[in-house]
Amino acid sequence: MTDTTLLTQLADNWMLVAMFSLFVGAILWAFRSGSRAVHQDTSNIPFRNDDYPAPDRAGRSSKDKELHP
């Protein structure tokens, strides 16, 4: 066996260990304690404007149109 194949095999194995460690670290970071509130807040972003609809192009909301046609 030559030195280059030995170095190639070592590099492949260490890269596998590094990528697996990165994967496990990302999973642990996502499920860490205390992150539940952050995930719930992020998941509610689409529903934040339910009480106040976005204005149309004229800058009036649908409630303003009902009051002032």
PDB file of N, CA and C in Angstrom:
ATOM      1  N   MET A   1       0.841  -1.171   0.000  1.00  0.00           N
ATOM      2  CA  MET A   1       0.000   0.000   0.000  1.00  0.00           C
ATOM      3  C   MET A   1       0.890   1.239   0.000  1.00  0.00           C
ATOM      4  N   THR A   2       0.559   2.198  -0.825  1.00  0.00           N
ATOM      5  CA  THR A   2       1.382   3.405  -0.903  1.00  0.00           C
ATOM      6  C   THR A   2       0.888   4.430   0.108  1.00  0.00           C
ATOM      7  N   ASP A   3       1.699   5.451   0.274  1.00  0.00           N
ATOM      8  CA  ASP A   3       1.355   6.493   1.242  1.00  0.00           C
ATOM      9  C   ASP A   3       0.125   7.284   0.829  1.00  0.00           C
ATOM     10  N   THR A   4      -0.063   7.500  -0.455  1.00  0.00           N
ATOM     11  CA  THR A   4      -1.200   8.314  -0.890  1.00  0.00           C
ATOM     12  C   THR A   4      -2.530   7.618  -0.615  1.00  0.00           C
ATOM     13  N   THR A   5      -2.586   6.322  -0.794  1.00  0.00           N
ATOM     14  CA  THR A   5      -3.854   5.641  -0.509  1.00  0.00           C
ATOM     15  C   THR A   5      -4.130   5.605   0.986  1.00  0.00           C
ATOM     16  N   LEU A   6      -3.076   5.474   1.791  1.00  0.00           N
ATOM     17  CA  LEU A   6      -3.253   5.508   3.242  1.00  0.00           C
ATOM     18  C   LEU A   6      -3.765   6.878   3.672  1.00  0.00           C
ATOM     19  N   LEU A   7      -3.184   7.938   3.122  1.00  0.00           N
ATOM     20  CA  LEU A   7      -3.643   9.287   3.458  1.00  0.00           C
ATOM     21  C   LEU A   7      -5.072   9.527   2.959  1.00  0.00           C
ATOM     22  N   THR A   8      -5.408   8.998   1.813  1.00  0.00           N
ATOM     23  CA  THR A   8      -6.757   9.144   1.278  1.00  0.00           C
ATOM     24  C   THR A   8      -7.769   8.438   2.177  1.00  0.00           C
ATOM     25  N   GLN A   9      -7.442   7.252   2.611  1.00  0.00           N
ATOM     26  CA  GLN A   9      -8.344   6.521   3.497  1.00  0.00           C
ATOM     27  C   GLN A   9      -8.499   7.228   4.837  1.00  0.00           C
ATOM     28  N   LEU A  10      -7.403   7.754   5.364  1.00  0.00           N
ATOM     29  CA  LEU A  10      -7.481   8.502   6.621  1.00  0.00           C
ATOM     30  C   LEU A  10      -8.339   9.752   6.464  1.00  0.00           C
ATOM     31  N   ALA A  11      -8.167  10.477   5.368  1.00  0.00           N
ATOM     32  CA  ALA A  11      -8.936  11.688   5.135  1.00  0.00           C
ATOM     33  C   ALA A  11     -10.419  11.364   4.970  1.00  0.00           C
ATOM     34  N   ASP A  12     -10.740  10.286   4.270  1.00  0.00           N
ATOM     35  CA  ASP A  12     -12.132   9.889   4.107  1.00  0.00           C
ATOM     36  C   ASP A  12     -12.764   9.540   5.451  1.00  0.00           C
ATOM     37  N   ASN A  13     -12.058   8.805   6.266  1.00  0.00           N
ATOM     38  CA  ASN A  13     -12.596   8.411   7.571  1.00  0.00           C
ATOM     39  C   ASN A  13     -12.785   9.609   8.486  1.00  0.00           C
ATOM     40  N   TRP A  14     -11.819  10.520   8.511  1.00  0.00           N
ATOM     41  CA  TRP A  14     -11.940  11.692   9.372  1.00  0.00           C
ATOM     42  C   TRP A  14     -13.035  12.632   8.881  1.00  0.00           C
ATOM     43  N   MET A  15     -13.225  12.702   7.570  1.00  0.00           N
ATOM     44  CA  MET A  15     -14.300  13.535   7.044  1.00  0.00           C
ATOM     45  C   MET A  15     -15.655  12.941   7.422  1.00  0.00           C
ATOM     46  N   LEU A  16     -15.770  11.622   7.394  1.00  0.00           N
ATOM     47  CA  LEU A  16     -16.996  10.960   7.814  1.00  0.00           C
ATOM     48  C   LEU A  16     -17.282  11.258   9.286  1.00  0.00           C
ATOM     49  N   VAL A  17     -16.283  11.186  10.116  1.00  0.00           N
ATOM     50  CA  VAL A  17     -16.446  11.486  11.546  1.00  0.00           C
ATOM     51  C   VAL A  17     -16.844  12.955  11.726  1.00  0.00           C
ATOM     52  N   ALA A  18     -16.221  13.843  10.987  1.00  0.00           N
ATOM     53  CA  ALA A  18     -16.526  15.270  11.113  1.00  0.00           C
ATOM     54  C   ALA A  18     -17.957  15.570  10.666  1.00  0.00           C
ATOM     55  N   MET A  19     -18.387  14.998   9.550  1.00  0.00           N
ATOM     56  CA  MET A  19     -19.747  15.246   9.059  1.00  0.00           C
ATOM     57  C   MET A  19     -20.794  14.638   9.995  1.00  0.00           C
ATOM     58  N   PHE A  20     -20.517  13.463  10.533  1.00  0.00           N
ATOM     59  CA  PHE A  20     -21.444  12.849  11.484  1.00  0.00           C
ATOM     60  C   PHE A  20     -21.531  13.691  12.750  1.00  0.00           C
ATOM     61  N   SER A  21     -20.413  14.205  13.219  1.00  0.00           N
ATOM     62  CA  SER A  21     -20.414  15.063  14.404  1.00  0.00           C
ATOM     63  C   SER A  21     -21.196  16.349  14.149  1.00  0.00           C
ATOM     64  N   LEU A  22     -21.050  16.912  12.974  1.00  0.00           N
ATOM     65  CA  LEU A  22     -21.799  18.105  12.613  1.00  0.00           C
ATOM     66  C   LEU A  22     -23.304  17.819  12.584  1.00  0.00           C
ATOM     67  N   PHE A  23     -23.689  16.684  12.034  1.00  0.00           N
ATOM     68  CA  PHE A  23     -25.090  16.290  11.984  1.00  0.00           C
ATOM     69  C   PHE A  23     -25.661  16.112  13.388  1.00  0.00           C
ATOM     70  N   VAL A  24     -24.965  15.398  14.245  1.00  0.00           N
ATOM     71  CA  VAL A  24     -25.436  15.184  15.615  1.00  0.00           C
ATOM     72  C   VAL A  24     -25.491  16.509  16.365  1.00  0.00           C
ATOM     73  N   GLY A  25     -24.517  17.376  16.145  1.00  0.00           N
ATOM     74  CA  GLY A  25     -24.533  18.693  16.785  1.00  0.00           C
ATOM     75  C   GLY A  25     -25.719  19.533  16.349  1.00  0.00           C
ATOM     76  N   ALA A  26     -26.075  19.487  15.061  1.00  0.00           N
ATOM     77  CA  ALA A  26     -27.233  20.245  14.577  1.00  0.00           C
ATOM     78  C   ALA A  26     -28.522  19.713  15.171  1.00  0.00           C
ATOM     79  N   ILE A  27     -28.643  18.410  15.298  1.00  0.00           N
ATOM     80  CA  ILE A  27     -29.837  17.814  15.906  1.00  0.00           C
ATOM     81  C   ILE A  27     -29.934  18.208  17.381  1.00  0.00           C
ATOM     82  N   LEU A  28     -28.840  18.110  18.096  1.00  0.00           N
ATOM     83  CA  LEU A  28     -28.852  18.493  19.509  1.00  0.00           C
ATOM     84  C   LEU A  28     -29.152  19.979  19.684  1.00  0.00           C
ATOM     85  N   TRP A  29     -28.636  20.820  18.795  1.00  0.00           N
ATOM     86  CA  TRP A  29     -28.895  22.261  18.876  1.00  0.00           C
ATOM     87  C   TRP A  29     -30.371  22.560  18.630  1.00  0.00           C
ATOM     88  N   ALA A  30     -30.986  21.865  17.684  1.00  0.00           N
ATOM     89  CA  ALA A  30     -32.396  22.108  17.377  1.00  0.00           C
ATOM     90  C   ALA A  30     -33.304  21.669  18.512  1.00  0.00           C
ATOM     91  N   PHE A  31     -32.949  20.614  19.213  1.00  0.00           N
ATOM     92  CA  PHE A  31     -33.784  20.092  20.286  1.00  0.00           C
ATOM     93  C   PHE A  31     -33.272  20.463  21.674  1.00  0.00           C
ATOM     94  N   ARG A  32     -32.453  21.483  21.774  1.00  0.00           N
ATOM     95  CA  ARG A  32     -31.916  21.869  23.074  1.00  0.00           C
ATOM     96  C   ARG A  32     -33.034  22.415  23.959  1.00  0.00           C
ATOM     97  N   SER A  33     -32.815  22.372  25.253  1.00  0.00           N
ATOM     98  CA  SER A  33     -33.833  22.897  26.162  1.00  0.00           C
ATOM     99  C   SER A  33     -33.865  24.419  26.057  1.00  0.00           C
ATOM    100  N   GLY A  34     -35.039  24.969  26.129  1.00  0.00           N
ATOM    101  CA  GLY A  34     -35.182  26.414  26.015  1.00  0.00           C
ATOM    102  C   GLY A  34     -35.454  26.891  24.609  1.00  0.00           C
ATOM    103  N   SER A  35     -35.367  26.023  23.621  1.00  0.00           N
ATOM    104  CA  SER A  35     -35.612  26.465  22.250  1.00  0.00           C
ATOM    105  C   SER A  35     -37.077  26.314  21.851  1.00  0.00           C
ATOM    106  N   ARG A  36     -37.891  25.743  22.699  1.00  0.00           N
ATOM    107  CA  ARG A  36     -39.302  25.535  22.383  1.00  0.00           C
ATOM    108  C   ARG A  36     -39.998  26.865  22.136  1.00  0.00           C
ATOM    109  N   ALA A  37     -39.733  27.868  22.958  1.00  0.00           N
ATOM    110  CA  ALA A  37     -40.381  29.168  22.793  1.00  0.00           C
ATOM    111  C   ALA A  37     -39.971  29.818  21.468  1.00  0.00           C
ATOM    112  N   VAL A  38     -38.727  29.676  21.093  1.00  0.00           N
ATOM    113  CA  VAL A  38     -38.252  30.250  19.835  1.00  0.00           C
ATOM    114  C   VAL A  38     -38.936  29.570  18.655  1.00  0.00           C
ATOM    115  N   HIS A  39     -39.059  28.241  18.702  1.00  0.00           N
ATOM    116  CA  HIS A  39     -39.707  27.511  17.617  1.00  0.00           C
ATOM    117  C   HIS A  39     -41.195  27.851  17.527  1.00  0.00           C
ATOM    118  N   GLN A  40     -41.860  28.003  18.671  1.00  0.00           N
ATOM    119  CA  GLN A  40     -43.282  28.358  18.649  1.00  0.00           C
ATOM    120  C   GLN A  40     -43.482  29.768  18.108  1.00  0.00           C
ATOM    121  N   ASP A  41     -42.619  30.695  18.495  1.00  0.00           N
ATOM    122  CA  ASP A  41     -42.723  32.055  17.989  1.00  0.00           C
ATOM    123  C   ASP A  41     -42.502  32.096  16.480  1.00  0.00           C
ATOM    124  N   THR A  42     -41.535  31.357  15.999  1.00  0.00           N
ATOM    125  CA  THR A  42     -41.259  31.317  14.566  1.00  0.00           C
ATOM    126  C   THR A  42     -42.408  30.671  13.798  1.00  0.00           C
ATOM    127  N   SER A  43     -43.015  29.651  14.362  1.00  0.00           N
ATOM    128  CA  SER A  43     -44.105  28.975  13.662  1.00  0.00           C
ATOM    129  C   SER A  43     -45.362  29.824  13.596  1.00  0.00           C
ATOM    130  N   ASN A  44     -45.495  30.824  14.458  1.00  0.00           N
ATOM    131  CA  ASN A  44     -46.683  31.683  14.461  1.00  0.00           C
ATOM    132  C   ASN A  44     -46.534  32.930  13.609  1.00  0.00           C
ATOM    133  N   ILE A  45     -45.435  33.101  12.911  1.00  0.00           N
ATOM    134  CA  ILE A  45     -45.217  34.285  12.088  1.00  0.00           C
ATOM    135  C   ILE A  45     -46.325  34.497  11.055  1.00  0.00           C
ATOM    136  N   PRO A  46     -46.796  33.473  10.333  1.00  0.00           N
ATOM    137  CA  PRO A  46     -47.837  33.724   9.326  1.00  0.00           C
ATOM    138  C   PRO A  46     -49.164  34.207   9.912  1.00  0.00           C
ATOM    139  N   PHE A  47     -49.394  33.979  11.198  1.00  0.00           N
ATOM    140  CA  PHE A  47     -50.679  34.326  11.801  1.00  0.00           C
ATOM    141  C   PHE A  47     -50.640  35.637  12.587  1.00  0.00           C
ATOM    142  N   ARG A  48     -49.581  36.369  12.540  1.00  0.00           N
ATOM    143  CA  ARG A  48     -49.465  37.585  13.348  1.00  0.00           C
ATOM    144  C   ARG A  48     -50.396  38.700  12.891  1.00  0.00           C
ATOM    145  N   ASN A  49     -50.751  38.766  11.614  1.00  0.00           N
ATOM    146  CA  ASN A  49     -51.587  39.851  11.107  1.00  0.00           C
ATOM    147  C   ASN A  49     -53.045  39.434  10.932  1.00  0.00           C
ATOM    148  N   ASP A  50     -53.507  38.426  11.650  1.00  0.00           N
ATOM    149  CA  ASP A  50     -54.893  37.984  11.514  1.00  0.00           C
ATOM    150  C   ASP A  50     -55.877  39.049  11.979  1.00  0.00           C
ATOM    151  N   ASP A  51     -55.571  39.763  13.041  1.00  0.00           N
ATOM    152  CA  ASP A  51     -56.482  40.783  13.559  1.00  0.00           C
ATOM    153  C   ASP A  51     -56.436  42.060  12.724  1.00  0.00           C
ATOM    154  N   TYR A  52     -55.332  42.315  12.110  1.00  0.00           N
ATOM    155  CA  TYR A  52     -55.147  43.533  11.337  1.00  0.00           C
ATOM    156  C   TYR A  52     -54.703  43.161   9.921  1.00  0.00           C
ATOM    157  N   PRO A  53     -55.647  43.075   8.974  1.00  0.00           N
ATOM    158  CA  PRO A  53     -55.257  42.674   7.620  1.00  0.00           C
ATOM    159  C   PRO A  53     -54.323  43.692   6.972  1.00  0.00           C
ATOM    160  N   ALA A  54     -53.537  43.210   6.065  1.00  0.00           N
ATOM    161  CA  ALA A  54     -52.591  44.077   5.367  1.00  0.00           C
ATOM    162  C   ALA A  54     -53.350  45.086   4.508  1.00  0.00           C
ATOM    163  N   PRO A  55     -52.860  46.310   4.395  1.00  0.00           N
ATOM    164  CA  PRO A  55     -53.545  47.318   3.583  1.00  0.00           C
ATOM    165  C   PRO A  55     -53.443  47.003   2.094  1.00  0.00           C
ATOM    166  N   ASP A  56     -54.408  47.525   1.325  1.00  0.00           N
ATOM    167  CA  ASP A  56     -54.356  47.339  -0.122  1.00  0.00           C
ATOM    168  C   ASP A  56     -53.384  48.354  -0.724  1.00  0.00           C
ATOM    169  N   ARG A  57     -53.371  48.489  -2.025  1.00  0.00           N
ATOM    170  CA  ARG A  57     -52.400  49.374  -2.677  1.00  0.00           C
ATOM    171  C   ARG A  57     -52.624  50.843  -2.339  1.00  0.00           C
ATOM    172  N   ALA A  58     -53.868  51.200  -2.023  1.00  0.00           N
ATOM    173  CA  ALA A  58     -54.155  52.592  -1.677  1.00  0.00           C
ATOM    174  C   ALA A  58     -53.758  52.903  -0.234  1.00  0.00           C
ATOM    175  N   GLY A  59     -53.365  51.872   0.506  1.00  0.00           N
ATOM    176  CA  GLY A  59     -52.929  52.094   1.874  1.00  0.00           C
ATOM    177  C   GLY A  59     -54.054  51.967   2.880  1.00  0.00           C
ATOM    178  N   ARG A  60     -55.229  51.508   2.428  1.00  0.00           N
ATOM    179  CA  ARG A  60     -56.355  51.347   3.342  1.00  0.00           C
ATOM    180  C   ARG A  60     -56.586  49.862   3.589  1.00  0.00           C
ATOM    181  N   SER A  61     -56.940  49.524   4.823  1.00  0.00           N
ATOM    182  CA  SER A  61     -57.264  48.139   5.130  1.00  0.00           C
ATOM    183  C   SER A  61     -58.713  47.878   4.767  1.00  0.00           C
ATOM    184  N   SER A  62     -59.118  46.620   4.818  1.00  0.00           N
ATOM    185  CA  SER A  62     -60.502  46.280   4.454  1.00  0.00           C
ATOM    186  C   SER A  62     -61.486  46.870   5.452  1.00  0.00           C
ATOM    187  N   LYS A  63     -61.103  47.083   6.700  1.00  0.00           N
ATOM    188  CA  LYS A  63     -61.997  47.709   7.681  1.00  0.00           C
ATOM    189  C   LYS A  63     -62.223  49.178   7.327  1.00  0.00           C
ATOM    190  N   ASP A  64     -61.179  49.859   6.830  1.00  0.00           N
ATOM    191  CA  ASP A  64     -61.326  51.256   6.431  1.00  0.00           C
ATOM    192  C   ASP A  64     -62.256  51.380   5.228  1.00  0.00           C
ATOM    193  N   LYS A  65     -62.234  50.417   4.325  1.00  0.00           N
ATOM    194  CA  LYS A  65     -63.100  50.451   3.152  1.00  0.00           C
ATOM    195  C   LYS A  65     -64.555  50.352   3.560  1.00  0.00           C
ATOM    196  N   GLU A  66     -64.828  49.538   4.600  1.00  0.00           N
ATOM    197  CA  GLU A  66     -66.203  49.375   5.069  1.00  0.00           C
ATOM    198  C   GLU A  66     -66.703  50.679   5.684  1.00  0.00           C
ATOM    199  N   LEU A  67     -65.839  51.369   6.405  1.00  0.00           N
ATOM    200  CA  LEU A  67     -66.240  52.620   7.062  1.00  0.00           C
ATOM    201  C   LEU A  67     -66.301  53.790   6.089  1.00  0.00           C
ATOM    202  N   HIS A  68     -65.343  53.868   5.167  1.00  0.00           N
ATOM    203  CA  HIS A  68     -65.234  54.982   4.231  1.00  0.00           C
ATOM    204  C   HIS A  68     -65.110  54.438   2.807  1.00  0.00           C
ATOM    205  N   PRO A  69     -66.218  54.191   2.112  1.00  0.00           N
ATOM    206  CA  PRO A  69     -66.115  53.607   0.765  1.00  0.00           C
ATOM    207  C   PRO A  69     -65.523  54.504  -0.261  1.00  0.00           C
TER     208      PRO A  69
END
